[in-house]
Amino acid sequence: MRPIVVRVIRVLDWPTYDGWLWIDAYELAANGDAVARRSLFVMPAGLVWPDPPAPRPTTRTPVKRGPVRVG
């Protein structure tokens, strides 16, 4: 057995045993691309959550605005 990395799409509202969940997820390749869609029956206590990615900078270069010549 080997662990897989997935991106969770949603938690399904299917009946399960106490402490278990059905989730829809994309299995991710090493480069982060989705390679397969999966429905997984998991125990949340056994999942390992990675650290969230660092936020992207939100500063933008201002756009120069002015009159536009048409025709």
N, C-alpha and C. Protein backbone atom coordinates (compact mmCIF):
# COMPACT_ATOMS: atom_id res chain seq x y z
N MET A 1 0.84 -1.18 0.00
CA MET A 1 0.00 0.00 0.00
C MET A 1 0.88 1.24 0.00
N ARG A 2 0.41 2.27 -0.70
CA ARG A 2 1.12 3.54 -0.70
C ARG A 2 0.10 4.66 -0.51
N PRO A 3 0.47 5.69 0.20
CA PRO A 3 -0.47 6.81 0.37
C PRO A 3 -0.63 7.57 -0.94
N ILE A 4 -1.77 8.21 -1.11
CA ILE A 4 -2.00 9.06 -2.27
C ILE A 4 -2.35 10.47 -1.78
N VAL A 5 -2.07 11.44 -2.63
CA VAL A 5 -2.42 12.82 -2.33
C VAL A 5 -3.65 13.15 -3.17
N VAL A 6 -4.67 13.73 -2.52
CA VAL A 6 -5.90 14.06 -3.22
C VAL A 6 -6.31 15.48 -2.93
N ARG A 7 -7.10 16.04 -3.84
CA ARG A 7 -7.76 17.33 -3.62
C ARG A 7 -9.23 17.01 -3.43
N VAL A 8 -9.77 17.31 -2.26
CA VAL A 8 -11.16 16.99 -1.95
C VAL A 8 -12.09 17.94 -2.70
N ILE A 9 -13.06 17.35 -3.40
CA ILE A 9 -14.05 18.13 -4.12
C ILE A 9 -15.24 18.41 -3.21
N ARG A 10 -15.71 17.36 -2.55
CA ARG A 10 -16.86 17.50 -1.65
C ARG A 10 -16.97 16.28 -0.74
N VAL A 11 -17.67 16.48 0.35
CA VAL A 11 -18.01 15.38 1.25
C VAL A 11 -19.40 14.93 0.84
N LEU A 12 -19.55 13.64 0.55
CA LEU A 12 -20.83 13.12 0.08
C LEU A 12 -21.76 12.85 1.26
N ASP A 13 -23.04 13.00 1.03
CA ASP A 13 -24.05 12.79 2.08
C ASP A 13 -24.60 11.36 1.98
N TRP A 14 -23.70 10.39 1.97
CA TRP A 14 -24.10 8.99 1.90
C TRP A 14 -24.05 8.39 3.30
N PRO A 15 -24.95 7.44 3.61
CA PRO A 15 -24.92 6.83 4.94
C PRO A 15 -23.62 6.02 5.15
N THR A 16 -23.05 6.16 6.33
CA THR A 16 -21.80 5.46 6.64
C THR A 16 -21.83 5.00 8.09
N TYR A 17 -20.77 4.30 8.47
CA TYR A 17 -20.58 3.95 9.87
C TYR A 17 -20.14 5.19 10.63
N ASP A 18 -20.37 5.21 11.93
CA ASP A 18 -20.00 6.35 12.75
C ASP A 18 -18.49 6.59 12.66
N GLY A 19 -18.09 7.83 12.38
CA GLY A 19 -16.68 8.19 12.29
C GLY A 19 -16.07 8.02 10.91
N TRP A 20 -16.86 7.68 9.90
CA TRP A 20 -16.37 7.50 8.54
C TRP A 20 -17.09 8.45 7.60
N LEU A 21 -16.47 8.76 6.46
CA LEU A 21 -17.04 9.66 5.45
C LEU A 21 -16.80 9.12 4.04
N TRP A 22 -17.69 9.46 3.13
CA TRP A 22 -17.45 9.29 1.71
C TRP A 22 -17.06 10.65 1.17
N ILE A 23 -15.96 10.72 0.42
CA ILE A 23 -15.55 11.97 -0.20
C ILE A 23 -15.32 11.76 -1.70
N ASP A 24 -15.57 12.78 -2.48
CA ASP A 24 -15.18 12.83 -3.89
C ASP A 24 -13.88 13.61 -3.93
N ALA A 25 -12.90 13.10 -4.67
CA ALA A 25 -11.60 13.76 -4.71
C ALA A 25 -10.90 13.49 -6.03
N TYR A 26 -9.92 14.35 -6.33
CA TYR A 26 -9.02 14.12 -7.46
C TYR A 26 -7.70 13.64 -6.90
N GLU A 27 -7.20 12.52 -7.43
CA GLU A 27 -5.85 12.07 -7.08
C GLU A 27 -4.87 12.97 -7.80
N LEU A 28 -3.83 13.41 -7.09
CA LEU A 28 -2.86 14.34 -7.66
C LEU A 28 -1.54 13.66 -7.95
N ALA A 29 -0.92 14.03 -9.08
CA ALA A 29 0.42 13.57 -9.42
C ALA A 29 1.43 14.38 -8.61
N ALA A 30 2.69 14.03 -8.71
CA ALA A 30 3.74 14.73 -7.95
C ALA A 30 3.80 16.22 -8.30
N ASN A 31 3.44 16.58 -9.54
CA ASN A 31 3.49 17.99 -9.94
C ASN A 31 2.21 18.75 -9.59
N GLY A 32 1.23 18.08 -8.98
CA GLY A 32 -0.01 18.72 -8.56
C GLY A 32 -1.15 18.62 -9.55
N ASP A 33 -0.92 18.00 -10.72
CA ASP A 33 -1.99 17.82 -11.70
C ASP A 33 -2.92 16.70 -11.28
N ALA A 34 -4.22 16.88 -11.54
CA ALA A 34 -5.20 15.83 -11.25
C ALA A 34 -5.04 14.72 -12.29
N VAL A 35 -4.95 13.47 -11.82
CA VAL A 35 -4.77 12.35 -12.75
C VAL A 35 -5.95 11.38 -12.73
N ALA A 36 -6.77 11.40 -11.66
CA ALA A 36 -7.91 10.49 -11.58
C ALA A 36 -8.92 11.04 -10.59
N ARG A 37 -10.20 10.82 -10.89
CA ARG A 37 -11.25 11.20 -9.94
C ARG A 37 -11.63 9.96 -9.14
N ARG A 38 -11.79 10.12 -7.84
CA ARG A 38 -12.05 8.98 -6.97
C ARG A 38 -13.14 9.31 -5.95
N SER A 39 -13.92 8.31 -5.57
CA SER A 39 -14.81 8.38 -4.41
C SER A 39 -14.16 7.51 -3.35
N LEU A 40 -13.87 8.10 -2.21
CA LEU A 40 -13.11 7.39 -1.17
C LEU A 40 -13.93 7.28 0.11
N PHE A 41 -13.83 6.13 0.77
CA PHE A 41 -14.45 5.88 2.06
C PHE A 41 -13.34 6.02 3.09
N VAL A 42 -13.36 7.08 3.88
CA VAL A 42 -12.23 7.40 4.75
C VAL A 42 -12.68 7.65 6.19
N MET A 43 -11.72 7.49 7.08
CA MET A 43 -11.90 7.88 8.48
C MET A 43 -11.13 9.19 8.64
N PRO A 44 -11.81 10.31 8.89
CA PRO A 44 -11.13 11.60 8.95
C PRO A 44 -9.96 11.63 9.93
N ALA A 45 -10.04 10.85 11.01
CA ALA A 45 -8.96 10.84 11.99
C ALA A 45 -7.67 10.29 11.39
N GLY A 46 -7.75 9.53 10.29
CA GLY A 46 -6.57 8.96 9.67
C GLY A 46 -5.99 9.79 8.53
N LEU A 47 -6.62 10.92 8.22
CA LEU A 47 -6.15 11.76 7.13
C LEU A 47 -5.05 12.69 7.61
N VAL A 48 -4.10 12.98 6.72
CA VAL A 48 -3.03 13.92 7.00
C VAL A 48 -3.27 15.14 6.12
N TRP A 49 -3.46 16.31 6.74
CA TRP A 49 -3.73 17.54 6.02
C TRP A 49 -2.44 18.30 5.83
N PRO A 50 -2.05 18.60 4.58
CA PRO A 50 -0.82 19.38 4.36
C PRO A 50 -1.02 20.83 4.77
N ASP A 51 0.09 21.52 4.97
CA ASP A 51 0.02 22.95 5.26
C ASP A 51 -0.54 23.66 4.03
N PRO A 52 -1.39 24.66 4.24
CA PRO A 52 -1.93 25.38 3.07
C PRO A 52 -0.82 26.15 2.37
N PRO A 53 -0.95 26.35 1.06
CA PRO A 53 0.08 27.10 0.33
C PRO A 53 0.13 28.54 0.81
N ALA A 54 1.28 29.15 0.64
CA ALA A 54 1.45 30.56 1.03
C ALA A 54 0.56 31.42 0.15
N PRO A 55 -0.06 32.45 0.71
CA PRO A 55 -0.93 33.31 -0.11
C PRO A 55 -0.13 34.05 -1.17
N ARG A 56 -0.76 34.25 -2.31
CA ARG A 56 -0.11 34.99 -3.40
C ARG A 56 -0.16 36.48 -3.08
N PRO A 57 0.85 37.21 -3.51
CA PRO A 57 0.80 38.67 -3.29
C PRO A 57 -0.38 39.28 -4.03
N THR A 58 -1.02 40.24 -3.40
CA THR A 58 -2.21 40.84 -4.01
C THR A 58 -1.93 42.22 -4.61
N THR A 59 -0.66 42.63 -4.61
CA THR A 59 -0.35 43.93 -5.20
C THR A 59 -0.36 43.81 -6.72
N ARG A 60 -0.98 44.77 -7.35
CA ARG A 60 -1.06 44.78 -8.81
C ARG A 60 -0.47 46.08 -9.34
N THR A 61 0.02 46.02 -10.56
CA THR A 61 0.51 47.22 -11.22
C THR A 61 -0.68 48.02 -11.69
N PRO A 62 -0.76 49.30 -11.33
CA PRO A 62 -1.92 50.08 -11.77
C PRO A 62 -1.96 50.23 -13.29
N VAL A 63 -3.15 50.25 -13.82
CA VAL A 63 -3.35 50.41 -15.26
C VAL A 63 -3.45 51.89 -15.56
N LYS A 64 -2.73 52.33 -16.60
CA LYS A 64 -2.79 53.73 -17.00
C LYS A 64 -4.08 53.94 -17.78
N ARG A 65 -4.91 54.85 -17.30
CA ARG A 65 -6.20 55.09 -17.95
C ARG A 65 -6.20 56.51 -18.54
N GLY A 66 -6.90 56.65 -19.63
CA GLY A 66 -6.98 57.94 -20.28
C GLY A 66 -7.87 57.86 -21.50
N PRO A 67 -7.93 58.92 -22.28
CA PRO A 67 -8.78 58.90 -23.47
C PRO A 67 -8.26 57.88 -24.49
N VAL A 68 -9.19 57.28 -25.20
CA VAL A 68 -8.85 56.29 -26.22
C VAL A 68 -9.33 56.83 -27.56
N ARG A 69 -8.46 56.78 -28.55
CA ARG A 69 -8.80 57.25 -29.88
C ARG A 69 -9.50 56.11 -30.64
N VAL A 70 -10.67 56.37 -31.19
CA VAL A 70 -11.43 55.36 -31.92
C VAL A 70 -11.66 55.86 -33.33
N GLY A 71 -11.44 54.97 -34.34
CA GLY A 71 -11.76 55.28 -35.73
C GLY A 71 -10.74 56.05 -36.36
